[in-house]
Amino acid sequence: MKKMIIAIDELINQINQFKEGFLYTKSDRLESQEKVLITYDNDDYTLPLEEIDGFKYRVGIFQIEEVIQNLKIQTKNPDTENCIKAINFYIENDAFI
């Protein structure tokens, strides 16, 4: 398992580079430029840890990608802020907008 701390904005812009893994945050609600922890290069049987280095597990990377894809169907060229709002909605409600 590899770990990386990255701004949520950068992760959204580079989401296609991470095919699997998990998102961890320190806050309950994502904000622009917030630093998040991602794990990647996990094997097929890796389950997310509840917490790593003070960051709490939120969702899988594939779920973020699905949220963004769903948003692109609804909104032509959504900006990063809209993506963050959609991800927050998904985390809070376990549902797409």
N, C-alpha and C. Protein backbone atom coordinates (compact mmCIF):
# COMPACT_ATOMS: atom_id res chain seq x y z
N MET A 1 0.85 -1.19 0.00
CA MET A 1 0.00 0.00 0.00
C MET A 1 0.89 1.24 0.00
N LYS A 2 0.58 2.14 -0.91
CA LYS A 2 1.29 3.42 -0.97
C LYS A 2 0.35 4.50 -0.45
N LYS A 3 0.94 5.54 0.16
CA LYS A 3 0.16 6.66 0.69
C LYS A 3 0.64 7.94 0.04
N MET A 4 -0.30 8.89 -0.10
CA MET A 4 0.04 10.20 -0.65
C MET A 4 -0.88 11.24 -0.04
N ILE A 5 -0.31 12.36 0.36
CA ILE A 5 -1.12 13.50 0.79
C ILE A 5 -1.20 14.45 -0.39
N ILE A 6 -2.42 14.85 -0.72
CA ILE A 6 -2.67 15.65 -1.92
C ILE A 6 -3.86 16.57 -1.63
N ALA A 7 -3.89 17.73 -2.26
CA ALA A 7 -5.05 18.62 -2.13
C ALA A 7 -6.22 17.98 -2.87
N ILE A 8 -7.41 18.08 -2.32
CA ILE A 8 -8.59 17.47 -2.93
C ILE A 8 -8.79 17.98 -4.36
N ASP A 9 -8.48 19.24 -4.60
CA ASP A 9 -8.60 19.82 -5.95
C ASP A 9 -7.70 19.08 -6.95
N GLU A 10 -6.47 18.80 -6.53
CA GLU A 10 -5.54 18.08 -7.39
C GLU A 10 -6.01 16.65 -7.63
N LEU A 11 -6.52 16.01 -6.59
CA LEU A 11 -7.03 14.65 -6.73
C LEU A 11 -8.16 14.61 -7.76
N ILE A 12 -9.07 15.56 -7.67
CA ILE A 12 -10.18 15.62 -8.62
C ILE A 12 -9.66 15.76 -10.05
N ASN A 13 -8.67 16.62 -10.24
CA ASN A 13 -8.11 16.85 -11.57
C ASN A 13 -7.31 15.67 -12.09
N GLN A 14 -6.82 14.81 -11.18
CA GLN A 14 -5.99 13.68 -11.57
C GLN A 14 -6.66 12.34 -11.28
N ILE A 15 -7.97 12.34 -11.07
CA ILE A 15 -8.67 11.14 -10.60
C ILE A 15 -8.44 9.93 -11.49
N ASN A 16 -8.27 10.14 -12.78
CA ASN A 16 -8.08 9.01 -13.70
C ASN A 16 -6.75 8.30 -13.50
N GLN A 17 -5.82 8.91 -12.79
CA GLN A 17 -4.52 8.28 -12.53
C GLN A 17 -4.60 7.26 -11.39
N PHE A 18 -5.66 7.31 -10.62
CA PHE A 18 -5.80 6.42 -9.47
C PHE A 18 -7.01 5.50 -9.70
N LYS A 19 -6.76 4.28 -10.12
CA LYS A 19 -7.85 3.36 -10.45
C LYS A 19 -8.43 2.68 -9.22
N GLU A 20 -7.68 2.64 -8.15
CA GLU A 20 -8.17 2.01 -6.94
C GLU A 20 -7.53 2.71 -5.75
N GLY A 21 -8.06 2.46 -4.60
CA GLY A 21 -7.51 3.06 -3.39
C GLY A 21 -8.62 3.66 -2.55
N PHE A 22 -8.20 4.39 -1.54
CA PHE A 22 -9.14 4.92 -0.57
C PHE A 22 -8.81 6.37 -0.23
N LEU A 23 -9.86 7.14 0.09
CA LEU A 23 -9.72 8.54 0.48
C LEU A 23 -9.91 8.68 1.98
N TYR A 24 -9.00 9.41 2.61
CA TYR A 24 -9.06 9.69 4.04
C TYR A 24 -9.00 11.21 4.23
N THR A 25 -9.77 11.73 5.18
CA THR A 25 -9.76 13.17 5.47
C THR A 25 -9.66 13.41 6.96
N LYS A 26 -9.23 14.60 7.34
CA LYS A 26 -9.23 14.98 8.75
C LYS A 26 -10.54 15.64 9.15
N SER A 27 -11.22 16.26 8.19
CA SER A 27 -12.47 16.94 8.49
C SER A 27 -13.65 16.07 8.04
N ASP A 28 -14.82 16.41 8.52
CA ASP A 28 -16.02 15.67 8.13
C ASP A 28 -16.54 16.12 6.78
N ARG A 29 -16.18 17.33 6.38
CA ARG A 29 -16.69 17.90 5.13
C ARG A 29 -15.50 18.47 4.35
N LEU A 30 -15.37 18.07 3.10
CA LEU A 30 -14.26 18.53 2.26
C LEU A 30 -14.41 20.00 1.89
N GLU A 31 -13.28 20.69 1.86
CA GLU A 31 -13.22 22.09 1.43
C GLU A 31 -12.15 22.20 0.35
N SER A 32 -12.27 23.20 -0.51
CA SER A 32 -11.29 23.43 -1.55
C SER A 32 -9.89 23.56 -0.94
N GLN A 33 -8.92 22.98 -1.60
CA GLN A 33 -7.50 23.00 -1.21
C GLN A 33 -7.20 22.18 0.06
N GLU A 34 -8.19 21.51 0.61
CA GLU A 34 -7.94 20.68 1.79
C GLU A 34 -7.01 19.54 1.43
N LYS A 35 -6.06 19.28 2.31
CA LYS A 35 -5.15 18.15 2.13
C LYS A 35 -5.85 16.88 2.57
N VAL A 36 -5.81 15.88 1.71
CA VAL A 36 -6.40 14.58 2.00
C VAL A 36 -5.31 13.52 1.86
N LEU A 37 -5.56 12.37 2.42
CA LEU A 37 -4.65 11.24 2.30
C LEU A 37 -5.32 10.21 1.40
N ILE A 38 -4.57 9.73 0.42
CA ILE A 38 -5.09 8.62 -0.37
C ILE A 38 -4.12 7.46 -0.25
N THR A 39 -4.68 6.26 -0.30
CA THR A 39 -3.87 5.06 -0.40
C THR A 39 -4.16 4.47 -1.76
N TYR A 40 -3.16 3.85 -2.35
CA TYR A 40 -3.34 3.25 -3.67
C TYR A 40 -2.36 2.10 -3.84
N ASP A 41 -2.46 1.43 -4.97
CA ASP A 41 -1.69 0.22 -5.23
C ASP A 41 -1.97 -0.84 -4.17
N ASN A 42 -3.23 -0.90 -3.75
CA ASN A 42 -3.65 -1.94 -2.82
C ASN A 42 -3.92 -3.21 -3.61
N ASP A 43 -3.80 -4.36 -2.95
CA ASP A 43 -4.19 -5.57 -3.65
C ASP A 43 -5.71 -5.70 -3.61
N ASP A 44 -6.24 -6.66 -4.34
CA ASP A 44 -7.69 -6.81 -4.47
C ASP A 44 -8.39 -7.12 -3.15
N TYR A 45 -7.65 -7.57 -2.18
CA TYR A 45 -8.24 -7.99 -0.90
C TYR A 45 -8.06 -6.98 0.22
N THR A 46 -7.47 -5.83 -0.10
CA THR A 46 -7.22 -4.82 0.92
C THR A 46 -8.51 -4.11 1.30
N LEU A 47 -8.78 -4.07 2.57
CA LEU A 47 -9.91 -3.30 3.09
C LEU A 47 -9.37 -2.01 3.67
N PRO A 48 -10.16 -0.94 3.62
CA PRO A 48 -9.66 0.33 4.16
C PRO A 48 -9.51 0.26 5.67
N LEU A 49 -8.46 0.88 6.16
CA LEU A 49 -8.29 1.04 7.60
C LEU A 49 -9.20 2.17 8.05
N GLU A 50 -9.67 2.12 9.27
CA GLU A 50 -10.58 3.16 9.77
C GLU A 50 -9.87 4.51 9.86
N GLU A 51 -8.60 4.48 10.22
CA GLU A 51 -7.85 5.73 10.39
C GLU A 51 -6.38 5.49 10.08
N ILE A 52 -5.74 6.48 9.45
CA ILE A 52 -4.31 6.46 9.18
C ILE A 52 -3.75 7.83 9.48
N ASP A 53 -2.81 7.90 10.39
CA ASP A 53 -2.11 9.16 10.70
C ASP A 53 -3.06 10.33 10.98
N GLY A 54 -4.16 10.08 11.65
CA GLY A 54 -5.12 11.13 11.99
C GLY A 54 -6.14 11.42 10.91
N PHE A 55 -6.06 10.74 9.78
CA PHE A 55 -7.02 10.88 8.69
C PHE A 55 -8.03 9.73 8.79
N LYS A 56 -9.32 10.04 8.65
CA LYS A 56 -10.37 9.03 8.74
C LYS A 56 -10.82 8.59 7.35
N TYR A 57 -11.10 7.30 7.22
CA TYR A 57 -11.57 6.75 5.95
C TYR A 57 -12.92 7.37 5.59
N ARG A 58 -13.08 7.73 4.30
CA ARG A 58 -14.34 8.30 3.81
C ARG A 58 -14.95 7.46 2.70
N VAL A 59 -14.24 7.28 1.59
CA VAL A 59 -14.78 6.53 0.44
C VAL A 59 -13.63 5.95 -0.37
N GLY A 60 -13.99 5.05 -1.27
CA GLY A 60 -13.03 4.51 -2.21
C GLY A 60 -12.80 5.48 -3.37
N ILE A 61 -11.63 5.41 -3.95
CA ILE A 61 -11.31 6.28 -5.09
C ILE A 61 -12.29 6.04 -6.23
N PHE A 62 -12.67 4.78 -6.46
CA PHE A 62 -13.61 4.48 -7.55
C PHE A 62 -14.95 5.17 -7.31
N GLN A 63 -15.34 5.37 -6.05
CA GLN A 63 -16.59 6.06 -5.76
C GLN A 63 -16.49 7.54 -6.12
N ILE A 64 -15.34 8.14 -5.87
CA ILE A 64 -15.13 9.54 -6.25
C ILE A 64 -15.23 9.67 -7.77
N GLU A 65 -14.61 8.73 -8.47
CA GLU A 65 -14.67 8.76 -9.92
C GLU A 65 -16.11 8.64 -10.42
N GLU A 66 -16.90 7.77 -9.79
CA GLU A 66 -18.31 7.61 -10.18
C GLU A 66 -19.12 8.88 -9.89
N VAL A 67 -18.84 9.52 -8.76
CA VAL A 67 -19.53 10.77 -8.43
C VAL A 67 -19.24 11.83 -9.49
N ILE A 68 -17.98 11.95 -9.86
CA ILE A 68 -17.59 12.95 -10.86
C ILE A 68 -18.21 12.62 -12.22
N GLN A 69 -18.21 11.35 -12.61
CA GLN A 69 -18.83 10.95 -13.87
C GLN A 69 -20.32 11.26 -13.87
N ASN A 70 -20.99 10.98 -12.77
CA ASN A 70 -22.42 11.27 -12.65
C ASN A 70 -22.68 12.78 -12.76
N LEU A 71 -21.83 13.56 -12.10
CA LEU A 71 -21.98 15.02 -12.16
C LEU A 71 -21.79 15.53 -13.59
N LYS A 72 -20.84 14.94 -14.32
CA LYS A 72 -20.60 15.36 -15.71
C LYS A 72 -21.79 15.05 -16.61
N ILE A 73 -22.55 14.03 -16.28
CA ILE A 73 -23.76 13.72 -17.03
C ILE A 73 -24.81 14.81 -16.79
N GLN A 74 -24.86 15.32 -15.57
CA GLN A 74 -25.87 16.31 -15.20
C GLN A 74 -25.47 17.74 -15.53
N THR A 75 -24.16 18.02 -15.50
CA THR A 75 -23.65 19.38 -15.66
C THR A 75 -22.52 19.39 -16.66
N LYS A 76 -22.62 20.23 -17.66
CA LYS A 76 -21.54 20.32 -18.64
C LYS A 76 -20.34 20.99 -18.00
N ASN A 77 -19.20 20.31 -18.02
CA ASN A 77 -17.94 20.83 -17.49
C ASN A 77 -18.05 21.36 -16.05
N PRO A 78 -18.39 20.51 -15.08
CA PRO A 78 -18.48 20.99 -13.70
C PRO A 78 -17.11 21.45 -13.20
N ASP A 79 -17.10 22.51 -12.41
CA ASP A 79 -15.83 22.97 -11.85
C ASP A 79 -15.49 22.16 -10.60
N THR A 80 -14.31 22.41 -10.08
CA THR A 80 -13.82 21.66 -8.92
C THR A 80 -14.73 21.83 -7.72
N GLU A 81 -15.23 23.04 -7.52
CA GLU A 81 -16.11 23.30 -6.37
C GLU A 81 -17.38 22.46 -6.45
N ASN A 82 -17.95 22.33 -7.65
CA ASN A 82 -19.13 21.48 -7.83
C ASN A 82 -18.80 20.02 -7.55
N CYS A 83 -17.62 19.59 -7.97
CA CYS A 83 -17.20 18.21 -7.69
C CYS A 83 -17.06 17.97 -6.19
N ILE A 84 -16.49 18.94 -5.48
CA ILE A 84 -16.34 18.81 -4.04
C ILE A 84 -17.71 18.72 -3.36
N LYS A 85 -18.64 19.56 -3.79
CA LYS A 85 -20.00 19.52 -3.24
C LYS A 85 -20.64 18.16 -3.49
N ALA A 86 -20.46 17.62 -4.69
CA ALA A 86 -21.05 16.32 -5.03
C ALA A 86 -20.41 15.20 -4.21
N ILE A 87 -19.11 15.28 -4.00
CA ILE A 87 -18.43 14.26 -3.18
C ILE A 87 -18.91 14.34 -1.74
N ASN A 88 -19.03 15.56 -1.20
CA ASN A 88 -19.56 15.73 0.16
C ASN A 88 -20.97 15.15 0.27
N PHE A 89 -21.80 15.42 -0.71
CA PHE A 89 -23.17 14.89 -0.70
C PHE A 89 -23.14 13.37 -0.68
N TYR A 90 -22.28 12.78 -1.50
CA TYR A 90 -22.18 11.33 -1.55
C TYR A 90 -21.71 10.77 -0.21
N ILE A 91 -20.69 11.37 0.38
CA ILE A 91 -20.18 10.89 1.66
C ILE A 91 -21.25 10.99 2.74
N GLU A 92 -21.99 12.09 2.77
CA GLU A 92 -22.98 12.32 3.82
C GLU A 92 -24.25 11.48 3.64
N ASN A 93 -24.60 11.18 2.37
CA ASN A 93 -25.90 10.54 2.10
C ASN A 93 -25.80 9.16 1.46
N ASP A 94 -24.59 8.75 1.12
CA ASP A 94 -24.38 7.49 0.42
C ASP A 94 -25.25 7.42 -0.84
N ALA A 95 -25.33 8.55 -1.54
CA ALA A 95 -26.17 8.65 -2.74
C ALA A 95 -25.61 9.76 -3.63
N PHE A 96 -25.91 9.64 -4.93
CA PHE A 96 -25.53 10.68 -5.87
C PHE A 96 -26.51 11.85 -5.78
N ILE A 97 -26.05 13.02 -6.21
CA ILE A 97 -26.95 14.19 -6.25
C ILE A 97 -28.01 13.95 -7.27
